[in-house]
Amino acid sequence: VPVFVWSPEEEKGCVPGAAARAWITEGLEGLNHSLIQRFRCPLVLRTAPKAADALGKIMEESGATAIFYNRVYEPLLMARDRQLERQLKSRFPRVSFSSFSGYLLYEPAAVDVPCGFNGGHWGTLMPYVRATKKLPQPPRPLPIPRTIWPHPYITEISSSTPWRDFKVILGKDGNGFHLDDCSLKW
């Protein structure tokens, strides 16, 4: 079951700004469209004060036996995800958990950047770039799956957050915004 859970209360100082939330919304809509077109399987959206509650409910309802998720790299969010996995493992001891490098070419721990002052933006970027050149090429992305097995849970979703409401949640604090109400020009 493909799922996206939004729990901004848990992100505290790491909540994305308005522009990032617009990109998140567009990316999720694109993912949902691709999942429906290729697999007839919509993305389940949930909002909750605590991600563990939302994911736990989905796991109970769907009978999930495995959880696959992308790693994050902000220290606060890494701690949140470790805690989330511990909570879910204690509730669901037979469920396996697997995390993946979701959006970085190299894991931060694999890049050995020299310590010390390197002189501003280019002084911090270039040592990183030079360090990555010493590493092997990053692995190729995995191919798109040929199929996602249909799950009866997908057709019985009653508590997924509707897209029109989800856009508002991802919008500005308090008032919200709809991407349909604005145009992006390049």
C-alpha atoms as a PDB file:
ATOM      1  CA  VAL A   1       0.000   0.000   0.000  1.00  0.00           C
ATOM      2  CA  PRO A   2       1.735   3.253  -1.057  1.00  0.00           C
ATOM      3  CA  VAL A   3       1.339   5.783   1.763  1.00  0.00           C
ATOM      4  CA  PHE A   4       2.347   9.368   2.535  1.00  0.00           C
ATOM      5  CA  VAL A   5       1.838  10.564   6.119  1.00  0.00           C
ATOM      6  CA  TRP A   6       2.065  14.276   6.947  1.00  0.00           C
ATOM      7  CA  SER A   7       2.651  15.039  10.631  1.00  0.00           C
ATOM      8  CA  PRO A   8       4.083  18.576  10.775  1.00  0.00           C
ATOM      9  CA  GLU A   9       3.780  18.753  14.584  1.00  0.00           C
ATOM     10  CA  GLU A  10       6.541  16.126  14.778  1.00  0.00           C
ATOM     11  CA  GLU A  11       8.828  18.063  12.454  1.00  0.00           C
ATOM     12  CA  LYS A  12       9.078  21.136  14.691  1.00  0.00           C
ATOM     13  CA  GLY A  13      11.981  23.200  13.311  1.00  0.00           C
ATOM     14  CA  CYS A  14      12.177  21.198  10.065  1.00  0.00           C
ATOM     15  CA  VAL A  15       8.740  21.997   8.596  1.00  0.00           C
ATOM     16  CA  PRO A  16       9.257  22.903   4.921  1.00  0.00           C
ATOM     17  CA  GLY A  17       8.448  26.446   3.803  1.00  0.00           C
ATOM     18  CA  ALA A  18       5.631  27.352   1.427  1.00  0.00           C
ATOM     19  CA  ALA A  19       7.662  26.849  -1.765  1.00  0.00           C
ATOM     20  CA  ALA A  20       8.888  23.418  -0.638  1.00  0.00           C
ATOM     21  CA  ARG A  21       5.337  22.431   0.320  1.00  0.00           C
ATOM     22  CA  ALA A  22       4.168  23.421  -3.163  1.00  0.00           C
ATOM     23  CA  TRP A  23       6.817  21.099  -4.657  1.00  0.00           C
ATOM     24  CA  ILE A  24       5.843  18.322  -2.236  1.00  0.00           C
ATOM     25  CA  THR A  25       2.201  18.672  -3.258  1.00  0.00           C
ATOM     26  CA  GLU A  26       3.047  18.606  -6.964  1.00  0.00           C
ATOM     27  CA  GLY A  27       5.369  15.623  -6.479  1.00  0.00           C
ATOM     28  CA  LEU A  28       2.746  13.679  -4.549  1.00  0.00           C
ATOM     29  CA  GLU A  29       0.114  14.422  -7.184  1.00  0.00           C
ATOM     30  CA  GLY A  30       2.509  13.199  -9.888  1.00  0.00           C
ATOM     31  CA  LEU A  31       3.276  10.047  -7.904  1.00  0.00           C
ATOM     32  CA  ASN A  32      -0.435   9.418  -7.328  1.00  0.00           C
ATOM     33  CA  HIS A  33      -1.151   9.871 -11.049  1.00  0.00           C
ATOM     34  CA  SER A  34       1.652   7.437 -12.001  1.00  0.00           C
ATOM     35  CA  LEU A  35       0.526   4.857  -9.436  1.00  0.00           C
ATOM     36  CA  ILE A  36      -3.047   4.988 -10.738  1.00  0.00           C
ATOM     37  CA  GLN A  37      -2.009   4.860 -14.413  1.00  0.00           C
ATOM     38  CA  ARG A  38       0.556   2.059 -14.073  1.00  0.00           C
ATOM     39  CA  PHE A  39      -0.868  -0.023 -11.257  1.00  0.00           C
ATOM     40  CA  ARG A  40      -4.444   1.165 -10.609  1.00  0.00           C
ATOM     41  CA  CYS A  41      -3.268   1.808  -7.082  1.00  0.00           C
ATOM     42  CA  PRO A  42      -3.758   5.291  -5.559  1.00  0.00           C
ATOM     43  CA  LEU A  43      -1.476   6.890  -3.005  1.00  0.00           C
ATOM     44  CA  VAL A  44      -3.015   6.839   0.478  1.00  0.00           C
ATOM     45  CA  LEU A  45      -2.672  10.223   2.189  1.00  0.00           C
ATOM     46  CA  ARG A  46      -2.929  10.602   5.930  1.00  0.00           C
ATOM     47  CA  THR A  47      -2.476  13.567   8.217  1.00  0.00           C
ATOM     48  CA  ALA A  48      -1.991  13.043  11.911  1.00  0.00           C
ATOM     49  CA  PRO A  49      -0.357  14.682  14.915  1.00  0.00           C
ATOM     50  CA  LYS A  50       1.706  11.484  15.297  1.00  0.00           C
ATOM     51  CA  ALA A  51       2.881   9.450  12.318  1.00  0.00           C
ATOM     52  CA  ALA A  52       3.016   6.291  14.474  1.00  0.00           C
ATOM     53  CA  ASP A  53      -0.745   6.493  15.040  1.00  0.00           C
ATOM     54  CA  ALA A  54      -1.525   6.934  11.343  1.00  0.00           C
ATOM     55  CA  LEU A  55       0.901   4.228  10.177  1.00  0.00           C
ATOM     56  CA  GLY A  56      -0.182   1.869  12.955  1.00  0.00           C
ATOM     57  CA  LYS A  57      -3.801   2.185  11.859  1.00  0.00           C
ATOM     58  CA  ILE A  58      -2.886   1.532   8.222  1.00  0.00           C
ATOM     59  CA  MET A  59      -0.812  -1.485   9.269  1.00  0.00           C
ATOM     60  CA  GLU A  60      -3.703  -2.880  11.306  1.00  0.00           C
ATOM     61  CA  GLU A  61      -6.260  -2.277   8.553  1.00  0.00           C
ATOM     62  CA  SER A  62      -4.102  -3.649   5.730  1.00  0.00           C
ATOM     63  CA  GLY A  63      -2.327  -6.483   7.561  1.00  0.00           C
ATOM     64  CA  ALA A  64       1.061  -5.151   6.398  1.00  0.00           C
ATOM     65  CA  THR A  65       4.002  -7.520   6.867  1.00  0.00           C
ATOM     66  CA  ALA A  66       6.740  -5.126   5.722  1.00  0.00           C
ATOM     67  CA  ILE A  67       7.387  -1.365   5.748  1.00  0.00           C
ATOM     68  CA  PHE A  68       9.704   0.256   3.187  1.00  0.00           C
ATOM     69  CA  TYR A  69      10.632   3.903   3.554  1.00  0.00           C
ATOM     70  CA  ASN A  70      13.140   6.516   2.410  1.00  0.00           C
ATOM     71  CA  ARG A  71      15.667   7.859   4.870  1.00  0.00           C
ATOM     72  CA  VAL A  72      15.822  11.526   5.806  1.00  0.00           C
ATOM     73  CA  TYR A  73      19.035  13.287   6.787  1.00  0.00           C
ATOM     74  CA  GLU A  74      18.050  16.183   9.036  1.00  0.00           C
ATOM     75  CA  PRO A  75      19.114  15.184  12.591  1.00  0.00           C
ATOM     76  CA  LEU A  76      15.709  15.969  14.137  1.00  0.00           C
ATOM     77  CA  LEU A  77      13.879  13.950  11.483  1.00  0.00           C
ATOM     78  CA  MET A  78      16.350  11.070  11.728  1.00  0.00           C
ATOM     79  CA  ALA A  79      15.625  10.869  15.469  1.00  0.00           C
ATOM     80  CA  ARG A  80      11.890  11.013  14.767  1.00  0.00           C
ATOM     81  CA  ASP A  81      12.140   8.133  12.281  1.00  0.00           C
ATOM     82  CA  ARG A  82      14.209   5.985  14.676  1.00  0.00           C
ATOM     83  CA  GLN A  83      11.600   6.561  17.391  1.00  0.00           C
ATOM     84  CA  LEU A  84       8.777   5.851  14.941  1.00  0.00           C
ATOM     85  CA  GLU A  85      10.351   2.557  13.890  1.00  0.00           C
ATOM     86  CA  ARG A  86      10.896   1.542  17.549  1.00  0.00           C
ATOM     87  CA  GLN A  87       7.259   2.315  18.393  1.00  0.00           C
ATOM     88  CA  LEU A  88       5.916   0.383  15.413  1.00  0.00           C
ATOM     89  CA  LYS A  89       8.255  -2.582  16.007  1.00  0.00           C
ATOM     90  CA  SER A  90       6.999  -2.852  19.583  1.00  0.00           C
ATOM     91  CA  ARG A  91       3.375  -2.868  18.368  1.00  0.00           C
ATOM     92  CA  PHE A  92       4.032  -5.082  15.333  1.00  0.00           C
ATOM     93  CA  PRO A  93       7.004  -7.352  16.159  1.00  0.00           C
ATOM     94  CA  ARG A  94       6.529  -9.556  13.067  1.00  0.00           C
ATOM     95  CA  VAL A  95       6.658  -6.666  10.595  1.00  0.00           C
ATOM     96  CA  SER A  96      10.004  -6.045   8.865  1.00  0.00           C
ATOM     97  CA  PHE A  97      11.319  -2.519   8.269  1.00  0.00           C
ATOM     98  CA  SER A  98      13.660  -1.489   5.427  1.00  0.00           C
ATOM     99  CA  SER A  99      14.965   2.014   4.757  1.00  0.00           C
ATOM    100  CA  PHE A 100      16.510   3.279   1.530  1.00  0.00           C
ATOM    101  CA  SER A 101      18.560   6.233   0.373  1.00  0.00           C
ATOM    102  CA  GLY A 102      15.720   8.162  -1.135  1.00  0.00           C
ATOM    103  CA  TYR A 103      17.077  11.301  -2.725  1.00  0.00           C
ATOM    104  CA  LEU A 104      20.846  11.512  -2.294  1.00  0.00           C
ATOM    105  CA  LEU A 105      23.489  10.101  -4.599  1.00  0.00           C
ATOM    106  CA  TYR A 106      25.789   9.457  -1.630  1.00  0.00           C
ATOM    107  CA  GLU A 107      25.008   8.794   2.008  1.00  0.00           C
ATOM    108  CA  PRO A 108      26.466  11.666   4.099  1.00  0.00           C
ATOM    109  CA  ALA A 109      28.590   9.288   6.203  1.00  0.00           C
ATOM    110  CA  ALA A 110      30.261   7.977   3.014  1.00  0.00           C
ATOM    111  CA  VAL A 111      31.621  11.410   2.013  1.00  0.00           C
ATOM    112  CA  ASP A 112      34.836  12.218   3.885  1.00  0.00           C
ATOM    113  CA  VAL A 113      35.092  16.033   3.804  1.00  0.00           C
ATOM    114  CA  PRO A 114      38.207  17.570   5.391  1.00  0.00           C
ATOM    115  CA  CYS A 115      37.653  19.554   8.604  1.00  0.00           C
ATOM    116  CA  GLY A 116      38.432  23.226   9.074  1.00  0.00           C
ATOM    117  CA  PHE A 117      37.468  26.508   7.452  1.00  0.00           C
ATOM    118  CA  ASN A 118      37.197  26.230   3.689  1.00  0.00           C
ATOM    119  CA  GLY A 119      36.200  29.820   2.840  1.00  0.00           C
ATOM    120  CA  GLY A 120      32.497  30.494   2.259  1.00  0.00           C
ATOM    121  CA  HIS A 121      29.999  28.831  -0.049  1.00  0.00           C
ATOM    122  CA  TRP A 122      32.415  27.637  -2.719  1.00  0.00           C
ATOM    123  CA  GLY A 123      34.855  26.812   0.048  1.00  0.00           C
ATOM    124  CA  THR A 124      32.319  24.400   1.544  1.00  0.00           C
ATOM    125  CA  LEU A 125      30.871  23.053  -1.702  1.00  0.00           C
ATOM    126  CA  MET A 126      34.081  22.279  -3.533  1.00  0.00           C
ATOM    127  CA  PRO A 127      35.677  20.125  -0.783  1.00  0.00           C
ATOM    128  CA  TYR A 128      32.455  18.097  -0.811  1.00  0.00           C
ATOM    129  CA  VAL A 129      32.493  17.776  -4.614  1.00  0.00           C
ATOM    130  CA  ARG A 130      36.167  16.716  -4.563  1.00  0.00           C
ATOM    131  CA  ALA A 131      35.418  14.134  -1.853  1.00  0.00           C
ATOM    132  CA  THR A 132      32.568  12.614  -3.911  1.00  0.00           C
ATOM    133  CA  LYS A 133      34.891  12.276  -6.927  1.00  0.00           C
ATOM    134  CA  LYS A 134      37.008   9.863  -4.872  1.00  0.00           C
ATOM    135  CA  LEU A 135      33.991   7.589  -4.364  1.00  0.00           C
ATOM    136  CA  PRO A 136      32.735   4.978  -6.823  1.00  0.00           C
ATOM    137  CA  GLN A 137      29.865   5.961  -9.090  1.00  0.00           C
ATOM    138  CA  PRO A 138      26.520   5.877  -7.267  1.00  0.00           C
ATOM    139  CA  PRO A 139      24.381   2.826  -8.017  1.00  0.00           C
ATOM    140  CA  ARG A 140      21.834   3.053 -10.811  1.00  0.00           C
ATOM    141  CA  PRO A 141      18.226   3.576  -9.690  1.00  0.00           C
ATOM    142  CA  LEU A 142      16.121   0.463  -9.378  1.00  0.00           C
ATOM    143  CA  PRO A 143      13.778  -0.153 -12.303  1.00  0.00           C
ATOM    144  CA  ILE A 144      10.093   0.657 -11.962  1.00  0.00           C
ATOM    145  CA  PRO A 145       8.268  -2.442 -10.697  1.00  0.00           C
ATOM    146  CA  ARG A 146       6.277  -4.300 -13.318  1.00  0.00           C
ATOM    147  CA  THR A 147       3.349  -4.619 -10.968  1.00  0.00           C
ATOM    148  CA  ILE A 148       2.110  -3.832  -7.513  1.00  0.00           C
ATOM    149  CA  TRP A 149      -0.081  -6.587  -6.195  1.00  0.00           C
ATOM    150  CA  PRO A 150      -3.622  -5.312  -5.725  1.00  0.00           C
ATOM    151  CA  HIS A 151      -4.644  -5.116  -2.101  1.00  0.00           C
ATOM    152  CA  PRO A 152      -8.304  -5.027  -1.034  1.00  0.00           C
ATOM    153  CA  TYR A 153      -7.405  -2.277   1.447  1.00  0.00           C
ATOM    154  CA  ILE A 154      -6.805   0.138  -1.439  1.00  0.00           C
ATOM    155  CA  THR A 155     -10.396  -0.115  -2.633  1.00  0.00           C
ATOM    156  CA  GLU A 156     -11.786   0.254   0.893  1.00  0.00           C
ATOM    157  CA  ILE A 157      -9.996   3.463   1.817  1.00  0.00           C
ATOM    158  CA  SER A 158     -12.379   5.662   3.696  1.00  0.00           C
ATOM    159  CA  SER A 159      -9.990   7.597   5.874  1.00  0.00           C
ATOM    160  CA  SER A 160      -7.473   8.818   3.292  1.00  0.00           C
ATOM    161  CA  THR A 161      -7.206  12.603   3.332  1.00  0.00           C
ATOM    162  CA  PRO A 162      -8.823  14.013   0.149  1.00  0.00           C
ATOM    163  CA  TRP A 163      -6.396  15.747  -2.225  1.00  0.00           C
ATOM    164  CA  ARG A 164      -8.248  19.072  -2.059  1.00  0.00           C
ATOM    165  CA  ASP A 165      -7.835  19.108   1.749  1.00  0.00           C
ATOM    166  CA  PHE A 166      -4.272  17.854   1.617  1.00  0.00           C
ATOM    167  CA  LYS A 167      -3.201  20.819  -0.529  1.00  0.00           C
ATOM    168  CA  VAL A 168      -4.474  23.187   2.157  1.00  0.00           C
ATOM    169  CA  ILE A 169      -2.620  21.299   4.870  1.00  0.00           C
ATOM    170  CA  LEU A 170       0.590  21.631   2.872  1.00  0.00           C
ATOM    171  CA  GLY A 171      -0.152  25.331   2.337  1.00  0.00           C
ATOM    172  CA  LYS A 172       0.766  28.324   4.460  1.00  0.00           C
ATOM    173  CA  ASP A 173       0.235  27.949   8.184  1.00  0.00           C
ATOM    174  CA  GLY A 174      -3.316  28.814   9.177  1.00  0.00           C
ATOM    175  CA  ASN A 175      -4.811  29.953   5.882  1.00  0.00           C
ATOM    176  CA  GLY A 176      -3.427  27.497   3.388  1.00  0.00           C
ATOM    177  CA  PHE A 177      -3.332  27.872  -0.370  1.00  0.00           C
ATOM    178  CA  HIS A 178      -4.323  25.840  -3.387  1.00  0.00           C
ATOM    179  CA  LEU A 179      -1.879  25.337  -6.226  1.00  0.00           C
ATOM    180  CA  ASP A 180      -4.868  25.624  -8.572  1.00  0.00           C
ATOM    181  CA  ASP A 181      -5.198  29.255  -7.448  1.00  0.00           C
ATOM    182  CA  CYS A 182      -1.738  30.308  -8.618  1.00  0.00           C
ATOM    183  CA  SER A 183       0.361  29.922 -11.715  1.00  0.00           C
ATOM    184  CA  LEU A 184       4.021  29.084 -11.791  1.00  0.00           C
ATOM    185  CA  LYS A 185       6.015  30.797 -14.548  1.00  0.00           C
ATOM    186  CA  TRP A 186       9.506  29.804 -15.610  1.00  0.00           C
END
